[in-house]
Structures are given as structure tokens and as C-alpha cells.
Amino acid sequence: MTFSICVREEYEDENGDDQTRFGVAVTTRLPGVGTLCPHVGERGAIATQSLTNVELGRKGIEYLEDGLAIEDALEALLNADDGAPQRQLHGVDAEGTFAFSGEECMDWYGHEERETFTVAGNLLVGESVVEATADTYAAGAPDSGAPADDADAPLAERLVDALEAGHAEGGDKREDLRVQSAALLVATTEDREMEPYYNDLRVDATETPIADLRETYELAKEGFEAAVERYGDVYEDDDLDAVDGEGSEVESVDAGESAGVDDPRADAEE
């Protein structure tokens, strides 16, 4: 009932140091997909879907943070999961990829595993959804030879592009379900003064999930750039006295600080 993409990208930060960023994006014809399926950390990205088991994503990220390889971490979790035949689970870490589609997932289902990213989906109109998502991301990746402006676009933007391509192919086939959702998450090994607001976005209930996710991304990017322009020195100097304007406030939200809430829909179909 869902299709998603997990990616790894290596890059140099402004100081010339090597860094790695991870991203995951997902959409489905049900509300609230961002509360269940996408998971990301500084060591990897995971998507859990089909008959969704949220713990596969949560524990998978924990295992990666403890130093396990993606294949070992997710295989171990699936081996302990009685519902594995109904699960779809995929992701990336700093060195590898992993993709699994249980034999009891609902048609069309399948996945694609490439060197630095994975794509998977179930209850789709066909394989072309996964292929279009994968090809669109690959065409704009930093190592693709794409025009600099395209390859230098924030990962969050390029993840929306990838979802849009799959959606254009027909995406989730359940046209009778009008209420849809989409989400993306990006994390990096880079230590930044301000975490971009557009790296953690959700559209929880809409009839136009990709268009709304793109609009949310564009507004969040605009807001982040405005905040950097106004408050960048405050973050750099760690000095609230530098805030310009009476009554102004600066709110700092680091990646991963959002409070986690157990969702009663865990094990719901996604």
C-alpha cells in the first residue's frame, strides 16, 4: 500500500571534511504514514511497510547506532518476527543496503536494490512505480553526472522528486482511498549549528500528498533560509543577546529531538 526510498550520500562539508547523509521518503493511500514507516539516524535509513511493524524500523536504527551492519541488523529482526512473510523492509547504512519483500505481501509488490539506495513498494499499479522512483533519484544523485544545480539540490528536494516520479506512474493502486499521506526524513554525520527545517517533513492527511509535500518543503526551505539570515550569528556565537528585535525568540530543534509516541496503528497495513 506504499512505496518508499532509502538513500545514502557521501559529500564534503564547507570545511572540506567527508560526511555522510541518509534519507528516506514514503507515500501511501492512508493517513499518517510518517508516524509509522520512515526511520533515519546518523548511521542509516530504514523503511518498514506492508503489514507495518514499527519496531523493525525503530530497533533497526538502534542496531545501526550500536555498530551492526544493515544486513545483519534487519535480518536478525526479521528472523525474530512471526509476521515476516507479510512485511516489507529495506534500508541503507554507511557501507551497504538491504531489501526484503515477504511472500505474503499484496500485489503488485517488489523492491529494487542499487549500490547506494533501495526502493520498495506494495499494492502498486505495477513495477514501473518502483523503477521510476529509482531512476529519478539516480539521475539527480551527486555522482550521477547531473547538472550541478540538480545534484546540489538538498536531498529532501530530490527525495520529493523521486516520489513524484513513482506517483506519476500510478503509485498506490487503491484509487477508492482518497485520504493519503507522505513524509521524508534526512540525517547527517555533519555537526551543524542549525538543522534545516526541511529535513523532517510530514503531510498526514490530504488528497494530493506529493504536491503538498513539495509545497511544505519549499515553505520550510524558505523559512530556514530566513532564519539563517536573521539568527545565524546567534547560533554560531551561542549568544541570545545578539537577537535583533524586542521579543524575538530563537527555537533550536536538533534532528531526532521530536518526542516519540507509540502509535496504536503499529502493525497496520501500509
C-alpha atoms as a PDB file:
ATOM      1  CA  MET A   1       0.000   0.000   0.000  1.00  0.00           C
ATOM      2  CA  THR A   2       3.085   2.117  -0.013  1.00  0.00           C
ATOM      3  CA  PHE A   3       6.243   2.925  -1.869  1.00  0.00           C
ATOM      4  CA  SER A   4       9.398   4.362  -0.366  1.00  0.00           C
ATOM      5  CA  ILE A   5      13.060   5.087  -0.993  1.00  0.00           C
ATOM      6  CA  CYS A   6      16.091   4.950   1.338  1.00  0.00           C
ATOM      7  CA  VAL A   7      19.380   6.561   0.267  1.00  0.00           C
ATOM      8  CA  ARG A   8      22.979   7.151   1.328  1.00  0.00           C
ATOM      9  CA  GLU A   9      25.099  10.019   0.014  1.00  0.00           C
ATOM     10  CA  GLU A  10      28.709  10.922   0.733  1.00  0.00           C
ATOM     11  CA  TYR A  11      29.746  14.553   0.436  1.00  0.00           C
ATOM     12  CA  GLU A  12      32.210  17.196   1.644  1.00  0.00           C
ATOM     13  CA  ASP A  13      31.052  19.845   4.079  1.00  0.00           C
ATOM     14  CA  GLU A  14      32.073  23.514   3.910  1.00  0.00           C
ATOM     15  CA  ASN A  15      35.327  22.703   5.727  1.00  0.00           C
ATOM     16  CA  GLY A  16      36.264  20.003   3.236  1.00  0.00           C
ATOM     17  CA  ASP A  17      35.579  17.165   5.683  1.00  0.00           C
ATOM     18  CA  ASP A  18      33.965  13.935   4.476  1.00  0.00           C
ATOM     19  CA  GLN A  19      30.389  13.448   5.651  1.00  0.00           C
ATOM     20  CA  THR A  20      27.517  11.043   5.015  1.00  0.00           C
ATOM     21  CA  ARG A  21      23.816  11.819   4.867  1.00  0.00           C
ATOM     22  CA  PHE A  22      20.909   9.394   4.894  1.00  0.00           C
ATOM     23  CA  GLY A  23      17.371   9.956   3.722  1.00  0.00           C
ATOM     24  CA  VAL A  24      14.049   8.156   3.491  1.00  0.00           C
ATOM     25  CA  ALA A  25      10.803   9.222   1.831  1.00  0.00           C
ATOM     26  CA  VAL A  26       7.460   7.445   1.630  1.00  0.00           C
ATOM     27  CA  THR A  27       3.874   7.902   0.463  1.00  0.00           C
ATOM     28  CA  THR A  28       0.699   5.825   0.771  1.00  0.00           C
ATOM     29  CA  ARG A  29      -3.084   5.948   0.357  1.00  0.00           C
ATOM     30  CA  LEU A  30      -3.663   6.067   4.094  1.00  0.00           C
ATOM     31  CA  PRO A  31      -3.177   8.932   6.571  1.00  0.00           C
ATOM     32  CA  GLY A  32      -0.198   9.358   8.879  1.00  0.00           C
ATOM     33  CA  VAL A  33       2.470   7.337   7.059  1.00  0.00           C
ATOM     34  CA  GLY A  34       5.178   9.498   8.640  1.00  0.00           C
ATOM     35  CA  THR A  35       4.334   8.163  12.102  1.00  0.00           C
ATOM     36  CA  LEU A  36       4.950   4.559  11.093  1.00  0.00           C
ATOM     37  CA  CYS A  37       7.170   3.825   8.131  1.00  0.00           C
ATOM     38  CA  PRO A  38      10.259   6.111   7.791  1.00  0.00           C
ATOM     39  CA  HIS A  39      13.201   5.898  10.201  1.00  0.00           C
ATOM     40  CA  VAL A  40      16.585   7.620   9.976  1.00  0.00           C
ATOM     41  CA  GLY A  41      19.706   8.228  12.042  1.00  0.00           C
ATOM     42  CA  GLU A  42      23.339   9.229  11.607  1.00  0.00           C
ATOM     43  CA  ARG A  43      24.214   5.644  10.600  1.00  0.00           C
ATOM     44  CA  GLY A  44      21.416   4.741   8.234  1.00  0.00           C
ATOM     45  CA  ALA A  45      17.852   4.944   6.920  1.00  0.00           C
ATOM     46  CA  ILE A  46      15.102   2.292   7.079  1.00  0.00           C
ATOM     47  CA  ALA A  47      11.544   1.969   5.764  1.00  0.00           C
ATOM     48  CA  THR A  48       9.127  -0.603   7.196  1.00  0.00           C
ATOM     49  CA  GLN A  49       5.837  -1.195   5.371  1.00  0.00           C
ATOM     50  CA  SER A  50       3.233  -3.658   4.026  1.00  0.00           C
ATOM     51  CA  LEU A  51       1.793  -5.091   7.280  1.00  0.00           C
ATOM     52  CA  THR A  52       3.811  -2.490   9.133  1.00  0.00           C
ATOM     53  CA  ASN A  53       5.807  -3.394  12.217  1.00  0.00           C
ATOM     54  CA  VAL A  54       7.139  -0.085  13.532  1.00  0.00           C
ATOM     55  CA  GLU A  55       9.623  -1.847  15.805  1.00  0.00           C
ATOM     56  CA  LEU A  56      11.533  -3.126  12.771  1.00  0.00           C
ATOM     57  CA  GLY A  57      12.356   0.477  11.945  1.00  0.00           C
ATOM     58  CA  ARG A  58      12.944   1.721  15.465  1.00  0.00           C
ATOM     59  CA  LYS A  59      15.093  -1.191  16.558  1.00  0.00           C
ATOM     60  CA  GLY A  60      16.819  -1.311  13.198  1.00  0.00           C
ATOM     61  CA  ILE A  61      18.083   2.236  13.667  1.00  0.00           C
ATOM     62  CA  GLU A  62      19.153   1.392  17.229  1.00  0.00           C
ATOM     63  CA  TYR A  63      21.112  -1.613  15.962  1.00  0.00           C
ATOM     64  CA  LEU A  64      22.843   0.541  13.354  1.00  0.00           C
ATOM     65  CA  GLU A  65      23.763   3.075  16.037  1.00  0.00           C
ATOM     66  CA  ASP A  66      25.296   0.182  18.001  1.00  0.00           C
ATOM     67  CA  GLY A  67      27.509  -0.646  15.027  1.00  0.00           C
ATOM     68  CA  LEU A  68      25.682  -3.548  13.357  1.00  0.00           C
ATOM     69  CA  ALA A  69      25.680  -3.714   9.570  1.00  0.00           C
ATOM     70  CA  ILE A  70      22.311  -3.078   7.914  1.00  0.00           C
ATOM     71  CA  GLU A  71      22.030  -6.636   6.602  1.00  0.00           C
ATOM     72  CA  ASP A  72      22.814  -8.205   9.985  1.00  0.00           C
ATOM     73  CA  ALA A  73      20.509  -5.828  11.857  1.00  0.00           C
ATOM     74  CA  LEU A  74      17.452  -6.262   9.653  1.00  0.00           C
ATOM     75  CA  GLU A  75      17.915  -9.982   9.075  1.00  0.00           C
ATOM     76  CA  ALA A  76      18.040 -10.501  12.846  1.00  0.00           C
ATOM     77  CA  LEU A  77      14.846  -8.519  13.340  1.00  0.00           C
ATOM     78  CA  LEU A  78      13.008 -10.389  10.587  1.00  0.00           C
ATOM     79  CA  ASN A  79      14.158 -13.750  11.930  1.00  0.00           C
ATOM     80  CA  ALA A  80      12.532 -12.892  15.256  1.00  0.00           C
ATOM     81  CA  ASP A  81       9.308 -11.618  13.656  1.00  0.00           C
ATOM     82  CA  ASP A  82       6.488 -14.162  13.210  1.00  0.00           C
ATOM     83  CA  GLY A  83       4.851 -11.819  10.697  1.00  0.00           C
ATOM     84  CA  ALA A  84       7.900 -11.575   8.430  1.00  0.00           C
ATOM     85  CA  PRO A  85       6.151 -13.043   5.344  1.00  0.00           C
ATOM     86  CA  GLN A  86       3.783 -10.044   5.400  1.00  0.00           C
ATOM     87  CA  ARG A  87       6.492  -7.412   5.923  1.00  0.00           C
ATOM     88  CA  GLN A  88       8.406  -5.223   3.539  1.00  0.00           C
ATOM     89  CA  LEU A  89      11.630  -3.837   4.972  1.00  0.00           C
ATOM     90  CA  HIS A  90      14.533  -2.051   3.325  1.00  0.00           C
ATOM     91  CA  GLY A  91      17.293   0.426   4.046  1.00  0.00           C
ATOM     92  CA  VAL A  92      20.900   1.575   3.827  1.00  0.00           C
ATOM     93  CA  ASP A  93      23.830   2.142   6.137  1.00  0.00           C
ATOM     94  CA  ALA A  94      27.292   3.630   5.612  1.00  0.00           C
ATOM     95  CA  GLU A  95      28.533   0.656   3.614  1.00  0.00           C
ATOM     96  CA  GLY A  96      25.656  -1.443   2.340  1.00  0.00           C
ATOM     97  CA  THR A  97      21.989  -1.921   1.512  1.00  0.00           C
ATOM     98  CA  PHE A  98      19.228  -4.374   2.407  1.00  0.00           C
ATOM     99  CA  ALA A  99      15.807  -5.073   0.891  1.00  0.00           C
ATOM    100  CA  PHE A 100      13.178  -7.681   1.796  1.00  0.00           C
ATOM    101  CA  SER A 101       9.654  -8.262   0.496  1.00  0.00           C
ATOM    102  CA  GLY A 102       7.760 -11.074   2.215  1.00  0.00           C
ATOM    103  CA  GLU A 103       5.984 -13.602   0.015  1.00  0.00           C
ATOM    104  CA  GLU A 104       2.607 -12.703   1.540  1.00  0.00           C
ATOM    105  CA  CYS A 105       2.772  -9.002   0.615  1.00  0.00           C
ATOM    106  CA  MET A 106      -0.032  -7.878  -1.685  1.00  0.00           C
ATOM    107  CA  ASP A 107       0.421  -7.435  -5.444  1.00  0.00           C
ATOM    108  CA  TRP A 108       1.998  -5.639  -7.031  1.00  0.00           C
ATOM    109  CA  TYR A 109       4.886  -5.757  -4.615  1.00  0.00           C
ATOM    110  CA  GLY A 110       8.641  -5.793  -5.015  1.00  0.00           C
ATOM    111  CA  HIS A 111      11.849  -3.879  -4.464  1.00  0.00           C
ATOM    112  CA  GLU A 112      14.967  -2.630  -6.187  1.00  0.00           C
ATOM    113  CA  GLU A 113      18.392  -2.573  -4.568  1.00  0.00           C
ATOM    114  CA  ARG A 114      21.189  -0.445  -6.020  1.00  0.00           C
ATOM    115  CA  GLU A 115      24.642   0.481  -4.740  1.00  0.00           C
ATOM    116  CA  THR A 116      23.646   3.429  -2.537  1.00  0.00           C
ATOM    117  CA  PHE A 117      19.855   3.233  -2.285  1.00  0.00           C
ATOM    118  CA  THR A 118      16.824   0.969  -2.148  1.00  0.00           C
ATOM    119  CA  VAL A 119      13.220   1.358  -3.302  1.00  0.00           C
ATOM    120  CA  ALA A 120      10.270  -0.857  -2.372  1.00  0.00           C
ATOM    121  CA  GLY A 121       6.512  -0.876  -2.747  1.00  0.00           C
ATOM    122  CA  ASN A 122       3.401  -2.963  -2.348  1.00  0.00           C
ATOM    123  CA  LEU A 123      -0.188  -2.750  -3.595  1.00  0.00           C
ATOM    124  CA  LEU A 124       1.107  -0.683  -6.519  1.00  0.00           C
ATOM    125  CA  VAL A 125      -0.197  -0.416 -10.061  1.00  0.00           C
ATOM    126  CA  GLY A 126       2.973  -2.185 -11.197  1.00  0.00           C
ATOM    127  CA  GLU A 127       6.745  -2.474 -11.198  1.00  0.00           C
ATOM    128  CA  SER A 128       7.105   0.787 -13.117  1.00  0.00           C
ATOM    129  CA  VAL A 129       6.381   2.726  -9.911  1.00  0.00           C
ATOM    130  CA  VAL A 130       9.498   1.359  -8.217  1.00  0.00           C
ATOM    131  CA  GLU A 131      11.573   1.720 -11.381  1.00  0.00           C
ATOM    132  CA  ALA A 132      10.565   5.350 -11.948  1.00  0.00           C
ATOM    133  CA  THR A 133      11.283   6.243  -8.330  1.00  0.00           C
ATOM    134  CA  ALA A 134      14.720   4.617  -8.505  1.00  0.00           C
ATOM    135  CA  ASP A 135      15.652   6.055 -11.901  1.00  0.00           C
ATOM    136  CA  THR A 136      14.612   9.590 -10.970  1.00  0.00           C
ATOM    137  CA  TYR A 137      16.641   9.577  -7.774  1.00  0.00           C
ATOM    138  CA  ALA A 138      19.658   8.043  -9.544  1.00  0.00           C
ATOM    139  CA  ALA A 139      19.513  10.655 -12.311  1.00  0.00           C
ATOM    140  CA  GLY A 140      19.834  13.503  -9.821  1.00  0.00           C
ATOM    141  CA  ALA A 141      22.272  11.951  -7.337  1.00  0.00           C
ATOM    142  CA  PRO A 142      25.613  13.725  -6.726  1.00  0.00           C
ATOM    143  CA  ASP A 143      27.592  11.000  -8.532  1.00  0.00           C
ATOM    144  CA  SER A 144      25.215  10.830 -11.500  1.00  0.00           C
ATOM    145  CA  GLY A 145      26.808  13.452 -13.702  1.00  0.00           C
ATOM    146  CA  ALA A 146      23.623  15.523 -13.475  1.00  0.00           C
ATOM    147  CA  PRO A 147      23.868  19.325 -13.878  1.00  0.00           C
ATOM    148  CA  ALA A 148      25.398  20.902 -10.790  1.00  0.00           C
ATOM    149  CA  ASP A 149      22.217  22.744  -9.835  1.00  0.00           C
ATOM    150  CA  ASP A 150      20.269  19.463  -9.818  1.00  0.00           C
ATOM    151  CA  ALA A 151      22.864  17.371  -7.976  1.00  0.00           C
ATOM    152  CA  ASP A 152      23.493  20.154  -5.432  1.00  0.00           C
ATOM    153  CA  ALA A 153      19.803  20.445  -4.531  1.00  0.00           C
ATOM    154  CA  PRO A 154      19.072  19.392  -0.936  1.00  0.00           C
ATOM    155  CA  LEU A 155      18.465  15.672  -0.562  1.00  0.00           C
ATOM    156  CA  ALA A 156      14.986  16.392   0.766  1.00  0.00           C
ATOM    157  CA  GLU A 157      14.059  18.063  -2.518  1.00  0.00           C
ATOM    158  CA  ARG A 158      15.419  15.201  -4.586  1.00  0.00           C
ATOM    159  CA  LEU A 159      13.509  12.675  -2.471  1.00  0.00           C
ATOM    160  CA  VAL A 160      10.291  14.525  -3.269  1.00  0.00           C
ATOM    161  CA  ASP A 161      11.259  14.363  -6.957  1.00  0.00           C
ATOM    162  CA  ALA A 162      11.689  10.589  -6.682  1.00  0.00           C
ATOM    163  CA  LEU A 163       8.304  10.102  -5.006  1.00  0.00           C
ATOM    164  CA  GLU A 164       6.691  12.333  -7.607  1.00  0.00           C
ATOM    165  CA  ALA A 165       8.026  10.119 -10.409  1.00  0.00           C
ATOM    166  CA  GLY A 166       6.573   6.987  -8.804  1.00  0.00           C
ATOM    167  CA  HIS A 167       3.306   8.744  -8.140  1.00  0.00           C
ATOM    168  CA  ALA A 168       3.113   9.799 -11.801  1.00  0.00           C
ATOM    169  CA  GLU A 169       3.352   6.124 -12.775  1.00  0.00           C
ATOM    170  CA  GLY A 170       0.205   5.402 -10.777  1.00  0.00           C
ATOM    171  CA  GLY A 171       1.657   4.740  -7.349  1.00  0.00           C
ATOM    172  CA  ASP A 172      -0.647   3.038  -4.881  1.00  0.00           C
ATOM    173  CA  LYS A 173      -3.424   1.356  -6.880  1.00  0.00           C
ATOM    174  CA  ARG A 174      -6.263   1.819  -4.366  1.00  0.00           C
ATOM    175  CA  GLU A 175      -7.968   4.771  -6.043  1.00  0.00           C
ATOM    176  CA  ASP A 176     -11.027   4.377  -3.824  1.00  0.00           C
ATOM    177  CA  LEU A 177      -8.988   5.600  -0.823  1.00  0.00           C
ATOM    178  CA  ARG A 178      -8.879   9.397  -1.124  1.00  0.00           C
ATOM    179  CA  VAL A 179      -7.059  10.303   2.098  1.00  0.00           C
ATOM    180  CA  GLN A 180      -3.314   9.942   1.559  1.00  0.00           C
ATOM    181  CA  SER A 181      -0.051  10.949   3.224  1.00  0.00           C
ATOM    182  CA  ALA A 182       3.665  11.402   2.572  1.00  0.00           C
ATOM    183  CA  ALA A 183       6.802  12.044   4.617  1.00  0.00           C
ATOM    184  CA  LEU A 184      10.553  12.437   4.420  1.00  0.00           C
ATOM    185  CA  LEU A 185      13.440  12.340   6.881  1.00  0.00           C
ATOM    186  CA  VAL A 186      17.103  13.245   6.378  1.00  0.00           C
ATOM    187  CA  ALA A 187      20.003  12.931   8.854  1.00  0.00           C
ATOM    188  CA  THR A 188      23.718  13.571   8.501  1.00  0.00           C
ATOM    189  CA  THR A 189      27.002  12.958  10.277  1.00  0.00           C
ATOM    190  CA  GLU A 190      27.774  16.661   9.912  1.00  0.00           C
ATOM    191  CA  ASP A 191      27.674  18.771  13.085  1.00  0.00           C
ATOM    192  CA  ARG A 192      25.667  21.842  12.073  1.00  0.00           C
ATOM    193  CA  GLU A 193      24.729  24.915  14.052  1.00  0.00           C
ATOM    194  CA  MET A 194      21.198  24.865  12.637  1.00  0.00           C
ATOM    195  CA  GLU A 195      19.432  21.764  11.375  1.00  0.00           C
ATOM    196  CA  PRO A 196      17.437  22.562   8.208  1.00  0.00           C
ATOM    197  CA  TYR A 197      13.717  22.583   8.917  1.00  0.00           C
ATOM    198  CA  TYR A 198      13.035  20.823   5.612  1.00  0.00           C
ATOM    199  CA  ASN A 199      14.802  17.605   6.662  1.00  0.00           C
ATOM    200  CA  ASP A 200      11.842  16.327   8.707  1.00  0.00           C
ATOM    201  CA  LEU A 201       8.523  16.810   6.936  1.00  0.00           C
ATOM    202  CA  ARG A 202       5.111  15.126   7.024  1.00  0.00           C
ATOM    203  CA  VAL A 203       1.813  15.580   5.249  1.00  0.00           C
ATOM    204  CA  ASP A 204      -0.523  13.459   7.324  1.00  0.00           C
ATOM    205  CA  ALA A 205      -3.910  13.682   5.573  1.00  0.00           C
ATOM    206  CA  THR A 206      -4.543  15.039   2.077  1.00  0.00           C
ATOM    207  CA  GLU A 207      -5.802  14.067  -1.355  1.00  0.00           C
ATOM    208  CA  THR A 208      -2.638  15.437  -3.007  1.00  0.00           C
ATOM    209  CA  PRO A 209       0.277  14.080  -0.936  1.00  0.00           C
ATOM    210  CA  ILE A 210       3.207  14.744  -3.271  1.00  0.00           C
ATOM    211  CA  ALA A 211       2.118  18.247  -4.263  1.00  0.00           C
ATOM    212  CA  ASP A 212       1.540  19.086  -0.599  1.00  0.00           C
ATOM    213  CA  LEU A 213       4.867  17.591   0.472  1.00  0.00           C
ATOM    214  CA  ARG A 214       6.649  19.676  -2.157  1.00  0.00           C
ATOM    215  CA  GLU A 215       4.858  22.843  -1.051  1.00  0.00           C
ATOM    216  CA  THR A 216       5.716  22.069   2.574  1.00  0.00           C
ATOM    217  CA  TYR A 217       9.349  21.524   1.591  1.00  0.00           C
ATOM    218  CA  GLU A 218       9.521  24.808  -0.320  1.00  0.00           C
ATOM    219  CA  LEU A 219       7.992  26.778   2.546  1.00  0.00           C
ATOM    220  CA  ALA A 220      10.239  25.080   5.110  1.00  0.00           C
ATOM    221  CA  LYS A 221      13.305  25.845   2.981  1.00  0.00           C
ATOM    222  CA  GLU A 222      12.231  29.480   2.664  1.00  0.00           C
ATOM    223  CA  GLY A 223      11.709  29.655   6.414  1.00  0.00           C
ATOM    224  CA  PHE A 224      15.073  28.059   7.135  1.00  0.00           C
ATOM    225  CA  GLU A 225      16.922  30.468   4.855  1.00  0.00           C
ATOM    226  CA  ALA A 226      15.175  33.406   6.525  1.00  0.00           C
ATOM    227  CA  ALA A 227      16.084  32.083   9.975  1.00  0.00           C
ATOM    228  CA  VAL A 228      19.731  31.597   8.980  1.00  0.00           C
ATOM    229  CA  GLU A 229      19.864  35.153   7.658  1.00  0.00           C
ATOM    230  CA  ARG A 230      18.391  36.600  10.828  1.00  0.00           C
ATOM    231  CA  TYR A 231      19.701  34.277  13.534  1.00  0.00           C
ATOM    232  CA  GLY A 232      22.788  32.618  12.041  1.00  0.00           C
ATOM    233  CA  ASP A 233      25.182  34.645  14.193  1.00  0.00           C
ATOM    234  CA  VAL A 234      23.184  33.767  17.312  1.00  0.00           C
ATOM    235  CA  TYR A 235      23.703  30.063  16.722  1.00  0.00           C
ATOM    236  CA  GLU A 236      27.341  30.493  15.725  1.00  0.00           C
ATOM    237  CA  ASP A 237      28.173  32.595  18.799  1.00  0.00           C
ATOM    238  CA  ASP A 238      25.728  30.789  21.125  1.00  0.00           C
ATOM    239  CA  ASP A 239      24.608  34.232  22.237  1.00  0.00           C
ATOM    240  CA  LEU A 240      20.920  35.086  22.624  1.00  0.00           C
ATOM    241  CA  ASP A 241      21.873  38.713  23.344  1.00  0.00           C
ATOM    242  CA  ALA A 242      22.645  39.001  19.656  1.00  0.00           C
ATOM    243  CA  VAL A 243      18.991  38.510  18.694  1.00  0.00           C
ATOM    244  CA  ASP A 244      17.747  41.562  16.812  1.00  0.00           C
ATOM    245  CA  GLY A 245      14.303  42.737  17.775  1.00  0.00           C
ATOM    246  CA  GLU A 246      12.478  43.057  21.064  1.00  0.00           C
ATOM    247  CA  GLY A 247      10.555  39.960  21.987  1.00  0.00           C
ATOM    248  CA  SER A 248      12.228  37.800  19.349  1.00  0.00           C
ATOM    249  CA  GLU A 249      12.785  34.159  20.160  1.00  0.00           C
ATOM    250  CA  VAL A 250      15.069  31.521  18.737  1.00  0.00           C
ATOM    251  CA  GLU A 251      13.935  27.933  18.918  1.00  0.00           C
ATOM    252  CA  SER A 252      16.534  25.204  18.478  1.00  0.00           C
ATOM    253  CA  VAL A 253      15.373  21.775  17.397  1.00  0.00           C
ATOM    254  CA  ASP A 254      18.082  19.222  16.681  1.00  0.00           C
ATOM    255  CA  ALA A 255      17.451  16.263  14.405  1.00  0.00           C
ATOM    256  CA  GLY A 256      15.919  13.410  16.374  1.00  0.00           C
ATOM    257  CA  GLU A 257      14.643  15.509  19.296  1.00  0.00           C
ATOM    258  CA  SER A 258      10.984  15.069  18.400  1.00  0.00           C
ATOM    259  CA  ALA A 259       9.190  13.083  21.060  1.00  0.00           C
ATOM    260  CA  GLY A 260       8.309   9.567  20.003  1.00  0.00           C
ATOM    261  CA  VAL A 261       4.764   8.405  20.697  1.00  0.00           C
ATOM    262  CA  ASP A 262       3.697   4.798  20.428  1.00  0.00           C
ATOM    263  CA  ASP A 263       1.095   4.575  17.690  1.00  0.00           C
ATOM    264  CA  PRO A 264      -1.827   2.181  18.158  1.00  0.00           C
ATOM    265  CA  ARG A 265      -1.772   1.582  14.395  1.00  0.00           C
ATOM    266  CA  ALA A 266       1.507  -0.305  14.566  1.00  0.00           C
ATOM    267  CA  ASP A 267       1.003  -3.486  12.550  1.00  0.00           C
ATOM    268  CA  ALA A 268      -1.476  -1.618  10.330  1.00  0.00           C
ATOM    269  CA  GLU A 269      -1.315  -2.138   6.585  1.00  0.00           C
ATOM    270  CA  GLU A 270       0.974   0.453   4.938  1.00  0.00           C
END
